[in-house]
PDB file of N, CA and C in Angstrom:
ATOM      1  N   MET A   1     212.471 177.973 195.051  1.00  0.00           N
ATOM      2  CA  MET A   1     212.171 178.448 193.722  1.00  0.00           C
ATOM      3  C   MET A   1     210.983 177.661 193.178  1.00  0.00           C
ATOM      4  N   LEU A   2     210.003 178.366 192.691  1.00  0.00           N
ATOM      5  CA  LEU A   2     208.809 177.745 192.135  1.00  0.00           C
ATOM      6  C   LEU A   2     208.996 177.438 190.657  1.00  0.00           C
ATOM      7  N   THR A   3     208.340 176.380 190.207  1.00  0.00           N
ATOM      8  CA  THR A   3     208.384 176.052 188.790  1.00  0.00           C
ATOM      9  C   THR A   3     207.376 176.912 188.046  1.00  0.00           C
ATOM     10  N   THR A   4     207.480 176.901 186.743  1.00  0.00           N
ATOM     11  CA  THR A   4     206.565 177.679 185.907  1.00  0.00           C
ATOM     12  C   THR A   4     205.137 177.182 186.086  1.00  0.00           C
ATOM     13  N   LYS A   5     204.980 175.878 186.197  1.00  0.00           N
ATOM     14  CA  LYS A   5     203.644 175.300 186.375  1.00  0.00           C
ATOM     15  C   LYS A   5     203.009 175.795 187.674  1.00  0.00           C
ATOM     16  N   GLU A   6     203.786 175.817 188.741  1.00  0.00           N
ATOM     17  CA  GLU A   6     203.275 176.290 190.028  1.00  0.00           C
ATOM     18  C   GLU A   6     202.932 177.776 189.977  1.00  0.00           C
ATOM     19  N   LEU A   7     203.736 178.548 189.265  1.00  0.00           N
ATOM     20  CA  LEU A   7     203.469 179.982 189.147  1.00  0.00           C
ATOM     21  C   LEU A   7     202.199 180.241 188.346  1.00  0.00           C
ATOM     22  N   ARG A   8     201.961 179.453 187.313  1.00  0.00           N
ATOM     23  CA  ARG A   8     200.758 179.628 186.485  1.00  0.00           C
ATOM     24  C   ARG A   8     199.486 179.305 187.255  1.00  0.00           C
ATOM     25  N   GLU A   9     199.583 178.462 188.277  1.00  0.00           N
ATOM     26  CA  GLU A   9     198.423 178.095 189.080  1.00  0.00           C
ATOM     27  C   GLU A   9     198.004 179.195 190.050  1.00  0.00           C
ATOM     28  N   LEU A  10     198.898 180.157 190.309  1.00  0.00           N
ATOM     29  CA  LEU A  10     198.579 181.248 191.225  1.00  0.00           C
ATOM     30  C   LEU A  10     197.668 182.262 190.540  1.00  0.00           C
ATOM     31  N   ASP A  11     196.814 182.910 191.336  1.00  0.00           N
ATOM     32  CA  ASP A  11     195.981 183.969 190.769  1.00  0.00           C
ATOM     33  C   ASP A  11     196.804 185.251 190.663  1.00  0.00           C
ATOM     34  N   ASP A  12     196.228 186.282 190.075  1.00  0.00           N
ATOM     35  CA  ASP A  12     196.961 187.518 189.804  1.00  0.00           C
ATOM     36  C   ASP A  12     197.484 188.179 191.070  1.00  0.00           C
ATOM     37  N   ALA A  13     196.679 188.208 192.120  1.00  0.00           N
ATOM     38  CA  ALA A  13     197.094 188.857 193.369  1.00  0.00           C
ATOM     39  C   ALA A  13     198.263 188.104 194.012  1.00  0.00           C
ATOM     40  N   ALA A  14     198.170 186.789 194.041  1.00  0.00           N
ATOM     41  CA  ALA A  14     199.237 185.983 194.635  1.00  0.00           C
ATOM     42  C   ALA A  14     200.514 186.089 193.802  1.00  0.00           C
ATOM     43  N   LEU A  15     200.359 186.192 192.495  1.00  0.00           N
ATOM     44  CA  LEU A  15     201.507 186.320 191.606  1.00  0.00           C
ATOM     45  C   LEU A  15     202.211 187.655 191.837  1.00  0.00           C
ATOM     46  N   SER A  16     201.444 188.723 192.005  1.00  0.00           N
ATOM     47  CA  SER A  16     202.030 190.034 192.286  1.00  0.00           C
ATOM     48  C   SER A  16     202.741 190.039 193.631  1.00  0.00           C
ATOM     49  N   GLU A  17     202.147 189.378 194.606  1.00  0.00           N
ATOM     50  CA  GLU A  17     202.757 189.291 195.937  1.00  0.00           C
ATOM     51  C   GLU A  17     204.064 188.499 195.873  1.00  0.00           C
ATOM     52  N   LYS A  18     204.059 187.420 195.110  1.00  0.00           N
ATOM     53  CA  LYS A  18     205.262 186.603 194.955  1.00  0.00           C
ATOM     54  C   LYS A  18     206.357 187.402 194.265  1.00  0.00           C
ATOM     55  N   LEU A  19     205.985 188.251 193.313  1.00  0.00           N
ATOM     56  CA  LEU A  19     206.954 189.098 192.621  1.00  0.00           C
ATOM     57  C   LEU A  19     207.627 190.060 193.602  1.00  0.00           C
ATOM     58  N   VAL A  20     206.831 190.689 194.448  1.00  0.00           N
ATOM     59  CA  VAL A  20     207.379 191.622 195.438  1.00  0.00           C
ATOM     60  C   VAL A  20     208.309 190.888 196.396  1.00  0.00           C
ATOM     61  N   ASP A  21     207.882 189.721 196.865  1.00  0.00           N
ATOM     62  CA  ASP A  21     208.707 188.942 197.792  1.00  0.00           C
ATOM     63  C   ASP A  21     210.026 188.514 197.152  1.00  0.00           C
ATOM     64  N   THR A  22     209.962 188.084 195.908  1.00  0.00           N
ATOM     65  CA  THR A  22     211.169 187.625 195.220  1.00  0.00           C
ATOM     66  C   THR A  22     212.122 188.781 194.971  1.00  0.00           C
ATOM     67  N   ARG A  23     211.586 189.945 194.643  1.00  0.00           N
ATOM     68  CA  ARG A  23     212.452 191.113 194.447  1.00  0.00           C
ATOM     69  C   ARG A  23     213.133 191.522 195.750  1.00  0.00           C
ATOM     70  N   LYS A  24     212.415 191.448 196.866  1.00  0.00           N
ATOM     71  CA  LYS A  24     213.018 191.748 198.168  1.00  0.00           C
ATOM     72  C   LYS A  24     214.108 190.732 198.495  1.00  0.00           C
ATOM     73  N   GLU A  25     213.828 189.484 198.197  1.00  0.00           N
ATOM     74  CA  GLU A  25     214.794 188.421 198.443  1.00  0.00           C
ATOM     75  C   GLU A  25     216.050 188.628 197.590  1.00  0.00           C
ATOM     76  N   LEU A  26     215.870 189.009 196.333  1.00  0.00           N
ATOM     77  CA  LEU A  26     217.007 189.268 195.451  1.00  0.00           C
ATOM     78  C   LEU A  26     217.837 190.431 195.969  1.00  0.00           C
ATOM     79  N   PHE A  27     217.180 191.485 196.425  1.00  0.00           N
ATOM     80  CA  PHE A  27     217.901 192.629 196.983  1.00  0.00           C
ATOM     81  C   PHE A  27     218.740 192.196 198.177  1.00  0.00           C
ATOM     82  N   SER A  28     218.144 191.394 199.044  1.00  0.00           N
ATOM     83  CA  SER A  28     218.847 190.907 200.221  1.00  0.00           C
ATOM     84  C   SER A  28     220.048 190.039 199.834  1.00  0.00           C
ATOM     85  N   MET A  29     219.843 189.185 198.847  1.00  0.00           N
ATOM     86  CA  MET A  29     220.943 188.321 198.399  1.00  0.00           C
ATOM     87  C   MET A  29     222.068 189.134 197.774  1.00  0.00           C
ATOM     88  N   ARG A  30     221.728 190.178 197.013  1.00  0.00           N
ATOM     89  CA  ARG A  30     222.762 191.024 196.415  1.00  0.00           C
ATOM     90  C   ARG A  30     223.580 191.724 197.491  1.00  0.00           C
ATOM     91  N   PHE A  31     222.911 192.170 198.529  1.00  0.00           N
ATOM     92  CA  PHE A  31     223.605 192.842 199.632  1.00  0.00           C
ATOM     93  C   PHE A  31     224.535 191.867 200.339  1.00  0.00           C
ATOM     94  N   LYS A  32     224.037 190.661 200.602  1.00  0.00           N
ATOM     95  CA  LYS A  32     224.874 189.637 201.246  1.00  0.00           C
ATOM     96  C   LYS A  32     226.050 189.248 200.355  1.00  0.00           C
ATOM     97  N   HIS A  33     225.819 189.179 199.061  1.00  0.00           N
ATOM     98  CA  HIS A  33     226.887 188.825 198.129  1.00  0.00           C
ATOM     99  C   HIS A  33     227.973 189.907 198.124  1.00  0.00           C
ATOM    100  N   ALA A  34     227.572 191.160 198.188  1.00  0.00           N
ATOM    101  CA  ALA A  34     228.530 192.266 198.185  1.00  0.00           C
ATOM    102  C   ALA A  34     229.370 192.284 199.449  1.00  0.00           C
ATOM    103  N   THR A  35     228.806 191.808 200.552  1.00  0.00           N
ATOM    104  CA  THR A  35     229.543 191.783 201.818  1.00  0.00           C
ATOM    105  C   THR A  35     230.147 190.413 202.098  1.00  0.00           C
ATOM    106  N   ALA A  36     230.155 189.544 201.105  1.00  0.00           N
ATOM    107  CA  ALA A  36     230.748 188.201 201.180  1.00  0.00           C
ATOM    108  C   ALA A  36     230.095 187.331 202.250  1.00  0.00           C
ATOM    109  N   GLN A  37     228.793 187.468 202.438  1.00  0.00           N
ATOM    110  CA  GLN A  37     228.074 186.647 203.403  1.00  0.00           C
ATOM    111  C   GLN A  37     227.177 185.613 202.723  1.00  0.00           C
ATOM    112  N   LEU A  38     227.033 185.694 201.420  1.00  0.00           N
ATOM    113  CA  LEU A  38     226.175 184.780 200.691  1.00  0.00           C
ATOM    114  C   LEU A  38     226.961 183.518 200.348  1.00  0.00           C
ATOM    115  N   GLU A  39     226.468 182.371 200.802  1.00  0.00           N
ATOM    116  CA  GLU A  39     227.156 181.117 200.551  1.00  0.00           C
ATOM    117  C   GLU A  39     226.741 180.504 199.219  1.00  0.00           C
ATOM    118  N   ASN A  40     225.455 180.574 198.892  1.00  0.00           N
ATOM    119  CA  ASN A  40     224.942 179.967 197.673  1.00  0.00           C
ATOM    120  C   ASN A  40     224.728 181.055 196.615  1.00  0.00           C
ATOM    121  N   THR A  41     225.748 181.300 195.817  1.00  0.00           N
ATOM    122  CA  THR A  41     225.647 182.362 194.813  1.00  0.00           C
ATOM    123  C   THR A  41     224.741 181.955 193.655  1.00  0.00           C
ATOM    124  N   LYS A  42     224.477 180.678 193.515  1.00  0.00           N
ATOM    125  CA  LYS A  42     223.581 180.210 192.451  1.00  0.00           C
ATOM    126  C   LYS A  42     222.145 180.675 192.706  1.00  0.00           C
ATOM    127  N   ALA A  43     221.816 180.986 193.938  1.00  0.00           N
ATOM    128  CA  ALA A  43     220.477 181.454 194.281  1.00  0.00           C
ATOM    129  C   ALA A  43     220.183 182.805 193.636  1.00  0.00           C
ATOM    130  N   LEU A  44     221.213 183.596 193.363  1.00  0.00           N
ATOM    131  CA  LEU A  44     221.017 184.886 192.697  1.00  0.00           C
ATOM    132  C   LEU A  44     220.403 184.685 191.319  1.00  0.00           C
ATOM    133  N   SER A  45     220.976 183.799 190.536  1.00  0.00           N
ATOM    134  CA  SER A  45     220.436 183.577 189.195  1.00  0.00           C
ATOM    135  C   SER A  45     219.068 182.919 189.253  1.00  0.00           C
ATOM    136  N   GLY A  46     218.837 182.090 190.257  1.00  0.00           N
ATOM    137  CA  GLY A  46     217.526 181.472 190.420  1.00  0.00           C
ATOM    138  C   GLY A  46     216.446 182.500 190.708  1.00  0.00           C
ATOM    139  N   ALA A  47     216.762 183.474 191.542  1.00  0.00           N
ATOM    140  CA  ALA A  47     215.802 184.531 191.863  1.00  0.00           C
ATOM    141  C   ALA A  47     215.515 185.397 190.639  1.00  0.00           C
ATOM    142  N   LYS A  48     216.551 185.690 189.867  1.00  0.00           N
ATOM    143  CA  LYS A  48     216.362 186.484 188.652  1.00  0.00           C
ATOM    144  C   LYS A  48     215.466 185.751 187.657  1.00  0.00           C
ATOM    145  N   LYS A  49     215.667 184.453 187.532  1.00  0.00           N
ATOM    146  CA  LYS A  49     214.853 183.662 186.611  1.00  0.00           C
ATOM    147  C   LYS A  49     213.407 183.584 187.080  1.00  0.00           C
ATOM    148  N   THR A  50     213.204 183.485 188.387  1.00  0.00           N
ATOM    149  CA  THR A  50     211.848 183.454 188.924  1.00  0.00           C
ATOM    150  C   THR A  50     211.131 184.771 188.638  1.00  0.00           C
ATOM    151  N   ILE A  51     211.830 185.882 188.814  1.00  0.00           N
ATOM    152  CA  ILE A  51     211.249 187.192 188.516  1.00  0.00           C
ATOM    153  C   ILE A  51     210.878 187.276 187.044  1.00  0.00           C
ATOM    154  N   ALA A  52     211.751 186.802 186.179  1.00  0.00           N
ATOM    155  CA  ALA A  52     211.473 186.829 184.744  1.00  0.00           C
ATOM    156  C   ALA A  52     210.262 185.964 184.403  1.00  0.00           C
ATOM    157  N   ARG A  53     210.146 184.805 185.039  1.00  0.00           N
ATOM    158  CA  ARG A  53     208.996 183.931 184.802  1.00  0.00           C
ATOM    159  C   ARG A  53     207.696 184.605 185.226  1.00  0.00           C
ATOM    160  N   ILE A  54     207.720 185.235 186.389  1.00  0.00           N
ATOM    161  CA  ILE A  54     206.515 185.903 186.889  1.00  0.00           C
ATOM    162  C   ILE A  54     206.108 187.033 185.947  1.00  0.00           C
ATOM    163  N   LEU A  55     207.073 187.834 185.530  1.00  0.00           N
ATOM    164  CA  LEU A  55     206.771 188.939 184.629  1.00  0.00           C
ATOM    165  C   LEU A  55     206.237 188.434 183.293  1.00  0.00           C
ATOM    166  N   THR A  56     206.762 187.326 182.807  1.00  0.00           N
ATOM    167  CA  THR A  56     206.283 186.747 181.554  1.00  0.00           C
ATOM    168  C   THR A  56     204.847 186.288 181.684  1.00  0.00           C
ATOM    169  N   ILE A  57     204.536 185.621 182.781  1.00  0.00           N
ATOM    170  CA  ILE A  57     203.169 185.132 183.003  1.00  0.00           C
ATOM    171  C   ILE A  57     202.201 186.307 183.117  1.00  0.00           C
ATOM    172  N   GLN A  58     202.604 187.359 183.836  1.00  0.00           N
ATOM    173  CA  GLN A  58     201.752 188.536 183.961  1.00  0.00           C
ATOM    174  C   GLN A  58     201.512 189.182 182.603  1.00  0.00           C
ATOM    175  N   LYS A  59     202.536 189.255 181.772  1.00  0.00           N
ATOM    176  CA  LYS A  59     202.409 189.856 180.449  1.00  0.00           C
ATOM    177  C   LYS A  59     201.478 189.007 179.574  1.00  0.00           C
ATOM    178  N   GLU A  60     201.585 187.689 179.678  1.00  0.00           N
ATOM    179  CA  GLU A  60     200.689 186.815 178.906  1.00  0.00           C
ATOM    180  C   GLU A  60     199.245 187.018 179.308  1.00  0.00           C
ATOM    181  N   ARG A  61     199.013 187.167 180.608  1.00  0.00           N
ATOM    182  CA  ARG A  61     197.640 187.348 181.094  1.00  0.00           C
ATOM    183  C   ARG A  61     197.070 188.686 180.674  1.00  0.00           C
ATOM    184  N   GLN A  62     197.902 189.713 180.575  1.00  0.00           N
ATOM    185  CA  GLN A  62     197.419 191.016 180.132  1.00  0.00           C
ATOM    186  C   GLN A  62     197.016 190.980 178.667  1.00  0.00           C
ATOM    187  N   GLY A  63     197.726 190.202 177.871  1.00  0.00           N
ATOM    188  CA  GLY A  63     197.430 190.112 176.450  1.00  0.00           C
ATOM    189  C   GLY A  63     196.226 189.261 176.154  1.00  0.00           C
ATOM    190  N   ALA A  64     195.898 188.354 177.052  1.00  0.00           N
ATOM    191  CA  ALA A  64     194.773 187.427 176.796  1.00  0.00           C
ATOM    192  C   ALA A  64     193.434 188.044 177.104  1.00  0.00           C
TER     193      ALA A  64
END
């Protein structure tokens, strides 16, 4: 999981790519959680927070 500072240092293209990767990872974790194969359930909330951070940064950049 990346910090907000690390995410802000990425350019727009890398940020969009990270968003796609994190969404794929979240989908995979949800599937594993549904089939009782996910050991670290805290990673689900971490992925959701990372997605929210990325979307917030993208929205800030669009407004600036």
